[in-house]
Protein backbone atom coordinates (compact mmCIF):
# COMPACT_ATOMS: atom_id res chain seq x y z
CA MET A 1 53.24 -20.50 -3.99
CA ASN A 2 53.69 -18.35 -0.93
CA LEU A 3 50.81 -16.82 1.04
CA ASP A 4 50.83 -13.50 -0.81
CA GLU A 5 50.71 -15.23 -4.19
CA LEU A 6 47.82 -17.42 -3.08
CA ARG A 7 45.94 -14.37 -1.84
CA ASP A 8 46.54 -12.62 -5.16
CA ARG A 9 45.03 -15.60 -6.98
CA LEU A 10 42.05 -15.47 -4.62
CA THR A 11 41.57 -11.76 -5.28
CA LEU A 12 41.48 -12.42 -9.04
CA LEU A 13 38.95 -15.21 -8.59
CA ASP A 14 36.77 -12.99 -6.39
CA LYS A 15 36.84 -10.34 -9.14
CA LYS A 16 35.79 -12.93 -11.73
CA ILE A 17 32.95 -14.12 -9.47
CA ILE A 18 31.61 -10.57 -9.18
CA GLU A 19 31.92 -10.08 -12.96
CA ILE A 20 30.02 -13.34 -13.57
CA ILE A 21 27.30 -12.27 -11.13
CA GLY A 22 27.03 -8.97 -13.02
CA GLU A 23 26.68 -10.86 -16.31
CA ARG A 24 24.05 -13.11 -14.74
CA GLN A 25 22.06 -10.11 -13.48
CA SER A 26 22.18 -8.57 -16.94
CA ILE A 27 20.69 -11.72 -18.49
CA VAL A 28 18.07 -11.84 -15.74
CA GLY A 29 17.14 -8.25 -16.61
CA GLU A 30 16.53 -9.27 -20.22
CA ILE A 31 14.42 -12.21 -19.04
CA GLY A 32 12.36 -9.81 -16.92
CA GLN A 33 11.75 -7.56 -19.91
CA TYR A 34 10.68 -10.55 -22.01
CA LYS A 35 8.24 -11.68 -19.30
CA GLN A 36 6.68 -8.23 -19.25
CA GLN A 37 6.29 -8.19 -23.02
CA VAL A 38 4.57 -11.58 -23.20
CA GLY A 39 2.59 -11.17 -19.98
CA ARG A 40 4.27 -13.94 -17.99
CA ALA A 41 4.48 -13.88 -14.20
CA THR A 42 7.68 -12.54 -12.67
CA ARG A 43 8.23 -15.55 -10.43
CA ASP A 44 8.49 -19.09 -11.80
CA TYR A 45 8.76 -21.56 -8.90
CA GLU A 46 9.28 -24.54 -11.20
CA ARG A 47 12.28 -22.86 -12.86
CA GLU A 48 13.69 -21.89 -9.45
CA SER A 49 13.54 -25.53 -8.37
CA VAL A 50 15.39 -26.59 -11.52
CA VAL A 51 18.09 -23.95 -10.96
CA LEU A 52 18.61 -24.93 -7.32
CA ASN A 53 18.74 -28.67 -8.09
CA LEU A 54 21.27 -28.07 -10.88
CA ALA A 55 23.36 -25.99 -8.48
CA LYS A 56 23.43 -28.83 -5.94
CA ASP A 57 24.32 -31.40 -8.62
CA ASN A 58 27.13 -29.23 -9.99
CA ALA A 59 28.36 -28.58 -6.46
CA LEU A 60 28.71 -32.31 -5.81
CA LYS A 61 30.70 -32.72 -9.03
CA ALA A 62 32.98 -29.83 -8.04
CA GLY A 63 33.49 -31.11 -4.51
CA ILE A 64 31.53 -28.21 -2.97
CA ALA A 65 28.91 -28.57 -0.24
CA PRO A 66 25.49 -28.59 -2.01
CA LYS A 67 24.02 -26.46 0.78
CA LEU A 68 26.54 -23.70 0.07
CA ALA A 69 25.73 -23.70 -3.65
CA GLU A 70 22.00 -23.68 -2.91
CA GLU A 71 22.29 -20.72 -0.52
CA ILE A 72 24.35 -18.71 -3.02
CA LEU A 73 21.85 -19.33 -5.81
CA GLN A 74 18.92 -18.49 -3.53
CA LEU A 75 20.52 -15.12 -2.78
CA LEU A 76 21.02 -14.47 -6.49
CA ILE A 77 17.44 -15.50 -7.29
CA LEU A 78 16.02 -13.19 -4.61
CA SER A 79 18.16 -10.33 -5.87
CA SER A 80 17.00 -10.98 -9.42
CA LEU A 81 13.35 -11.15 -8.39
CA THR A 82 13.68 -7.89 -6.45
CA ASN A 83 15.08 -6.14 -9.52
CA GLN A 84 12.47 -7.65 -11.82
CA GLU A 85 9.61 -6.73 -9.49
CA ARG A 86 10.89 -3.15 -9.14
CA ALA A 87 11.22 -2.85 -12.93
CA ARG A 88 7.71 -4.20 -13.46
CA VAL A 89 6.22 -1.83 -10.87
CA GLU A 90 7.90 1.09 -12.63
CA ALA A 91 6.86 -0.10 -16.11
CA GLU A 92 3.27 -0.86 -15.16
CA GLY A 93 2.93 1.98 -12.66
CA LYS A 94 -0.55 3.42 -12.28
CA GLY A 95 0.67 6.89 -11.36
CA ASN A 96 0.97 8.91 -14.57
CA GLY A 97 1.52 12.03 -12.49
CA ARG A 98 -1.55 11.53 -10.34
CA LYS A 99 -1.29 12.92 -6.82
CA VAL A 100 -1.07 10.96 -3.59
CA LEU A 101 -0.92 12.21 -0.01
CA VAL A 102 0.70 9.98 2.61
CA ILE A 103 -0.37 11.13 6.08
CA GLY A 104 2.36 9.94 8.42
CA GLY A 105 4.76 9.64 5.50
CA ALA A 106 7.84 10.30 7.63
CA GLY A 107 7.24 7.15 9.68
CA LYS A 108 8.80 3.81 8.77
CA MET A 109 5.85 2.29 6.90
CA GLY A 110 4.69 5.69 5.72
CA HIS A 111 8.07 6.17 4.08
CA TRP A 112 7.75 2.74 2.45
CA PHE A 113 4.51 3.87 0.80
CA VAL A 114 6.07 7.16 -0.29
CA ASP A 115 8.81 5.20 -2.09
CA PHE A 116 6.27 2.77 -3.52
CA PHE A 117 4.09 5.50 -5.00
CA ASN A 118 7.11 7.38 -6.31
CA SER A 119 8.20 4.23 -8.15
CA GLN A 120 4.77 4.08 -9.79
CA GLY A 121 4.99 7.58 -11.19
CA PHE A 122 2.73 9.33 -8.69
CA THR A 123 3.44 12.87 -7.56
CA THR A 124 3.76 12.20 -3.85
CA TYR A 125 3.00 14.59 -0.99
CA VAL A 126 3.79 13.91 2.66
CA ALA A 127 2.05 15.16 5.79
CA ASP A 128 3.75 14.42 9.10
CA LYS A 129 3.97 16.40 12.33
CA SER A 130 7.75 15.81 12.40
CA LEU A 131 8.23 17.72 9.15
CA VAL A 132 8.70 21.41 8.47
CA THR A 133 6.22 22.64 5.87
CA GLN A 134 7.91 22.94 2.49
CA ALA A 135 7.35 21.87 -1.10
CA ARG A 136 5.11 18.77 -1.12
CA SER A 137 5.55 18.39 2.67
CA PHE A 138 3.23 19.50 5.46
CA SER A 139 3.47 19.35 9.24
CA ASP A 140 -0.34 19.29 9.51
CA TRP A 141 -2.27 17.09 7.12
CA LYS A 142 -5.19 19.55 7.07
CA ASP A 143 -2.90 22.13 5.46
CA ALA A 144 -2.30 19.68 2.62
CA GLY A 145 -5.95 19.77 1.57
CA ILE A 146 -7.90 16.85 0.09
CA ASP A 147 -7.37 17.34 -3.65
CA TYR A 148 -5.59 14.04 -4.28
CA ASP A 149 -6.22 10.88 -6.26
CA VAL A 150 -5.11 8.72 -3.31
CA ILE A 151 -4.83 9.45 0.40
CA VAL A 152 -2.95 6.98 2.61
CA ILE A 153 -3.30 7.11 6.40
CA ALA A 154 -0.09 5.73 7.91
CA THR A 155 -0.33 7.05 11.47
CA PRO A 156 -0.70 5.38 14.89
CA ILE A 157 -4.03 3.63 15.35
CA LYS A 158 -5.64 6.18 17.67
CA VAL A 159 -4.52 9.04 15.45
CA SER A 160 -5.87 7.22 12.37
CA ALA A 161 -9.27 6.85 14.05
CA THR A 162 -9.45 10.63 14.57
CA ILE A 163 -8.25 11.41 11.04
CA LEU A 164 -10.92 9.16 9.53
CA HIS A 165 -13.68 11.05 11.37
CA GLU A 166 -12.25 14.42 10.36
CA LEU A 167 -11.78 13.36 6.74
CA ALA A 168 -15.38 12.14 6.61
CA GLU A 169 -16.58 15.65 7.37
CA MET A 170 -14.50 16.98 4.47
CA GLU A 171 -15.98 14.39 2.03
CA PRO A 172 -12.88 13.91 -0.19
CA LYS A 173 -13.25 12.27 -3.60
CA SER A 174 -9.91 10.44 -3.30
CA LEU A 175 -9.32 6.73 -2.92
CA ILE A 176 -8.52 6.48 0.81
CA PHE A 177 -7.08 3.65 2.87
CA ASP A 178 -5.39 3.19 6.23
CA ILE A 179 -2.59 0.71 6.89
CA GLY A 180 -3.29 0.06 10.58
CA SER A 181 -2.32 -3.18 12.32
CA LEU A 182 -5.77 -3.24 13.94
CA LYS A 183 -9.13 -2.44 12.39
CA THR A 184 -11.80 -2.67 15.12
CA PRO A 185 -10.57 0.59 16.76
CA LEU A 186 -11.10 2.24 13.36
CA ARG A 187 -14.58 0.84 12.81
CA ASP A 188 -16.46 4.05 13.71
CA GLY A 189 -14.21 6.22 11.58
CA LEU A 190 -14.45 3.84 8.63
CA ASN A 191 -18.24 3.75 8.98
CA ALA A 192 -18.30 7.56 9.09
CA MET A 193 -16.46 7.59 5.75
CA ILE A 194 -18.91 5.09 4.28
CA SER A 195 -21.88 7.20 5.46
CA LYS A 196 -20.45 10.10 3.44
CA ASN A 197 -20.07 7.86 0.35
CA CYS A 198 -16.28 8.17 0.45
CA LEU A 199 -14.07 5.83 -1.59
CA ILE A 200 -12.69 4.14 1.54
CA THR A 201 -11.09 0.75 2.19
CA SER A 202 -8.56 -0.64 4.66
CA ILE A 203 -5.36 -2.61 4.16
CA HIS A 204 -2.75 -4.23 6.40
CA PRO A 205 0.74 -4.88 4.99
CA MET A 206 2.07 -8.03 6.65
CA PHE A 207 5.65 -6.96 6.05
CA GLY A 208 7.99 -4.38 7.49
CA PRO A 209 9.47 -1.17 6.10
CA GLY A 210 12.61 -3.03 5.02
CA ALA A 211 10.74 -5.18 2.50
CA GLU A 212 12.09 -4.79 -1.03
CA LEU A 213 10.74 -7.98 -2.58
CA LEU A 214 7.02 -8.57 -2.02
CA SER A 215 7.01 -12.12 -3.34
CA GLY A 216 5.98 -14.39 -0.48
CA LYS A 217 4.66 -11.42 1.50
CA HIS A 218 0.99 -10.88 2.33
CA LEU A 219 -1.18 -7.79 2.00
CA ILE A 220 -4.58 -7.97 3.67
CA PHE A 221 -7.55 -6.08 2.22
CA ILE A 222 -10.57 -5.32 4.40
CA ASP A 223 -13.64 -4.25 2.42
CA VAL A 224 -15.48 -1.92 4.80
CA GLY A 225 -18.46 -1.35 2.56
CA ASN A 226 -17.13 0.08 -0.70
CA GLU A 227 -16.20 -2.71 -3.09
CA THR A 228 -14.98 -0.25 -5.73
CA ALA A 229 -12.46 1.26 -3.30
CA THR A 230 -11.08 -2.17 -2.41
CA LYS A 231 -10.76 -3.08 -6.09
CA LYS A 232 -8.92 0.17 -6.84
CA ALA A 233 -6.56 -0.38 -3.89
CA LYS A 234 -5.76 -3.88 -5.13
CA GLU A 235 -4.96 -2.54 -8.59
CA LEU A 236 -2.20 -0.38 -7.10
CA PHE A 237 -0.32 -3.57 -6.16
CA SER A 238 -1.13 -5.61 -9.27
CA ALA A 239 2.40 -5.24 -10.68
CA THR A 240 3.95 -6.68 -7.52
CA MET A 241 4.15 -10.32 -6.46
CA VAL A 242 2.47 -9.72 -3.10
CA LYS A 243 -0.20 -12.23 -2.03
CA GLN A 244 -3.51 -10.43 -1.64
CA LEU A 245 -5.81 -11.72 1.11
CA ASP A 246 -9.41 -10.68 1.82
CA MET A 247 -10.77 -10.48 5.37
CA ASP A 248 -13.53 -8.80 7.31
CA ILE A 249 -12.73 -6.55 10.26
CA ASP A 250 -13.54 -8.98 13.07
CA ASN A 251 -11.74 -11.97 11.58
CA HIS A 252 -8.73 -9.77 10.91
CA ASP A 253 -8.37 -8.53 14.48
CA ARG A 254 -9.14 -11.94 16.01
CA LEU A 255 -6.35 -13.57 14.00
CA ILE A 256 -3.96 -10.64 14.40
CA ALA A 257 -4.33 -11.04 18.18
CA TYR A 258 -2.37 -14.28 17.74
CA VAL A 259 -0.17 -13.45 14.75
CA LEU A 260 1.09 -10.17 16.23
CA GLY A 261 -0.21 -9.89 19.79
CA LEU A 262 0.86 -13.35 20.95
CA SER A 263 4.21 -13.34 19.14
CA HIS A 264 5.05 -9.89 20.51
CA ALA A 265 4.03 -10.87 24.05
CA LEU A 266 6.06 -14.07 23.90
CA ASN A 267 9.22 -12.19 22.95
CA ILE A 268 8.61 -9.43 25.49
CA ALA A 269 8.18 -12.12 28.15
CA PHE A 270 11.41 -13.77 26.98
CA PHE A 271 13.62 -10.70 27.21
CA THR A 272 11.86 -9.52 30.39
CA ALA A 273 12.61 -12.85 32.07
CA LEU A 274 16.26 -12.57 30.99
CA ALA A 275 16.53 -8.96 32.16
CA ASP A 276 14.95 -9.84 35.53
CA SER A 277 17.13 -12.93 35.99
CA GLY A 278 20.17 -11.00 37.13
CA GLU A 279 22.33 -12.94 34.68
CA ALA A 280 24.66 -10.80 32.58
CA ALA A 281 23.77 -10.79 28.86
CA PRO A 282 27.39 -11.33 27.68
CA LYS A 283 27.67 -14.43 29.87
CA LEU A 284 24.46 -15.88 28.44
CA ALA A 285 25.61 -15.11 24.90
CA LYS A 286 28.78 -17.15 25.44
CA LEU A 287 26.67 -20.14 26.47
CA SER A 288 24.22 -19.72 23.60
CA SER A 289 22.56 -22.56 21.73
CA THR A 290 20.91 -22.65 18.31
CA THR A 291 17.44 -22.17 19.82
CA PHE A 292 18.58 -19.43 22.20
CA ASP A 293 20.39 -17.55 19.42
CA ALA A 294 17.34 -17.70 17.15
CA GLN A 295 15.08 -16.47 19.95
CA LEU A 296 17.51 -13.65 20.76
CA ILE A 297 17.47 -12.41 17.18
CA VAL A 298 13.67 -12.16 17.13
CA SER A 299 13.54 -10.66 20.63
CA GLU A 300 16.13 -8.02 19.76
CA ALA A 301 14.03 -7.00 16.76
CA VAL A 302 10.92 -6.71 18.95
CA ALA A 303 12.78 -4.76 21.66
CA SER A 304 14.09 -2.33 19.04
CA ASP A 305 10.69 -1.58 17.53
CA SER A 306 8.13 1.03 18.57
CA PRO A 307 6.83 0.35 22.13
CA GLU A 308 3.91 2.69 21.46
CA LEU A 309 2.82 0.64 18.43
CA TYR A 310 3.22 -2.64 20.31
CA PHE A 311 1.17 -1.33 23.22
CA GLU A 312 -1.60 -0.29 20.82
CA ILE A 313 -1.60 -3.76 19.26
CA GLN A 314 -2.00 -5.32 22.73
CA LYS A 315 -4.41 -2.83 24.27
CA LEU A 316 -6.70 -1.68 21.45
CA ASN A 317 -7.56 -5.08 20.01
CA GLU A 318 -11.01 -6.24 21.13
CA TYR A 319 -9.70 -9.80 20.92
CA GLY A 320 -6.32 -9.09 22.50
CA LEU A 321 -6.75 -10.69 25.93
CA GLU A 322 -7.59 -14.16 24.60
CA PRO A 323 -4.04 -15.02 23.39
CA LEU A 324 -2.47 -13.37 26.46
CA ASN A 325 -4.60 -15.57 28.70
CA ALA A 326 -3.67 -18.58 26.57
CA LEU A 327 0.02 -17.72 26.93
CA CYS A 328 -0.27 -17.49 30.73
CA ALA A 329 -2.17 -20.80 30.85
CA SER A 330 0.47 -22.47 28.66
CA VAL A 331 3.34 -21.32 30.89
CA ASP A 332 1.40 -22.55 33.93
CA LYS A 333 1.01 -25.96 32.25
CA ILE A 334 4.74 -26.22 31.63
CA ARG A 335 5.53 -25.17 35.19
CA GLU A 336 3.01 -27.66 36.59
CA VAL A 337 4.38 -30.70 34.72
CA VAL A 338 7.95 -29.77 35.73
CA VAL A 339 7.07 -29.21 39.40
CA ASN A 340 5.12 -32.50 39.48
CA ASN A 341 7.90 -34.42 37.70
CA ASP A 342 5.30 -35.33 35.08
CA LYS A 343 7.45 -36.61 32.24
CA LYS A 344 4.46 -38.07 30.40
CA GLY A 345 2.60 -34.75 30.58
CA PHE A 346 5.64 -32.89 29.27
CA ILE A 347 5.98 -35.29 26.34
CA GLU A 348 2.28 -34.86 25.59
CA LEU A 349 2.73 -31.07 25.44
CA MET A 350 5.58 -31.47 22.99
CA GLN A 351 3.65 -33.98 20.88
CA THR A 352 0.53 -31.81 20.78
CA GLY A 353 2.62 -28.89 19.57
CA LYS A 354 4.36 -30.99 16.95
CA GLU A 355 1.02 -32.25 15.59
CA TYR A 356 -0.45 -28.74 15.52
CA LEU A 357 2.53 -27.24 13.70
CA ALA A 358 2.47 -30.09 11.17
CA THR A 359 -0.95 -28.82 9.99
CA ARG A 360 0.50 -25.54 8.65
CA GLY A 361 0.55 -27.03 5.17
């Protein structure tokens, strides 16, 4: 066959592959419906393992790299789970036309919650200063009123603190929760809500606005003094596969200082050092390594995010300086062992890190 004929054969095969994927997704949809009917969990890790192992075995028999087959099946599984989770959320939605107001709903995470509540059958209203007042949208949240079943506060941390105080004076009957990355700066506002017997709790989604599948993701719940509110907030996510974690305010912010504060600072330090080096970025990219490429990807994501939010995470956390000091001390240690030609000390640093990371479980 000539090149054109071979390419025609390839085009036909590609078409068949897509058709087979479509047939597979259809069967997966039926499986999802069956699971809903009999009350089985959406995700079955044991079955996933069987599917992936079979794919690798069949790949070997067909002369295909097992890793390739595994990666293809993983993509299909994730796509299937996303569709099944979305279908379950819609089928088991708690909305039934109830009203929800998302303050800050035009922001990235605010928009995620707007979509989430819409999928559950809520009638969703948005208040955001970037919007022009129109049907179900308000530029000032106070114009929206407080007659809602749920009110979500998805604004910057300092703004959320003010809104909590102002809402407390209005004494709404709604279920109310914020989604802030930090909680100690909100403590006074949350306590003000509790003092007015408001149905208030606090959550922290440990995923970004691009998340479609919540399986493997974490959602932190902080009970600030109203157990009923926390229970009701958890029920909103019961149809999803998100992992629900319980924390108190202080433990949350102390750990977040490392999970977010330290990781952000590390990446900011990385791209700041590169920018200050005087070396051209294209030149460095040509000399890239696996580690450098991976670090660049994360750093680019950090650099592209909201600097205002990242500054709040660093500055407003009562526990924020501890990991920053630890980062500075760690860099000093590395510099010291290199300057002193201390090979043993360098190896010890690497070994200590390896042992620590092995405890992740």
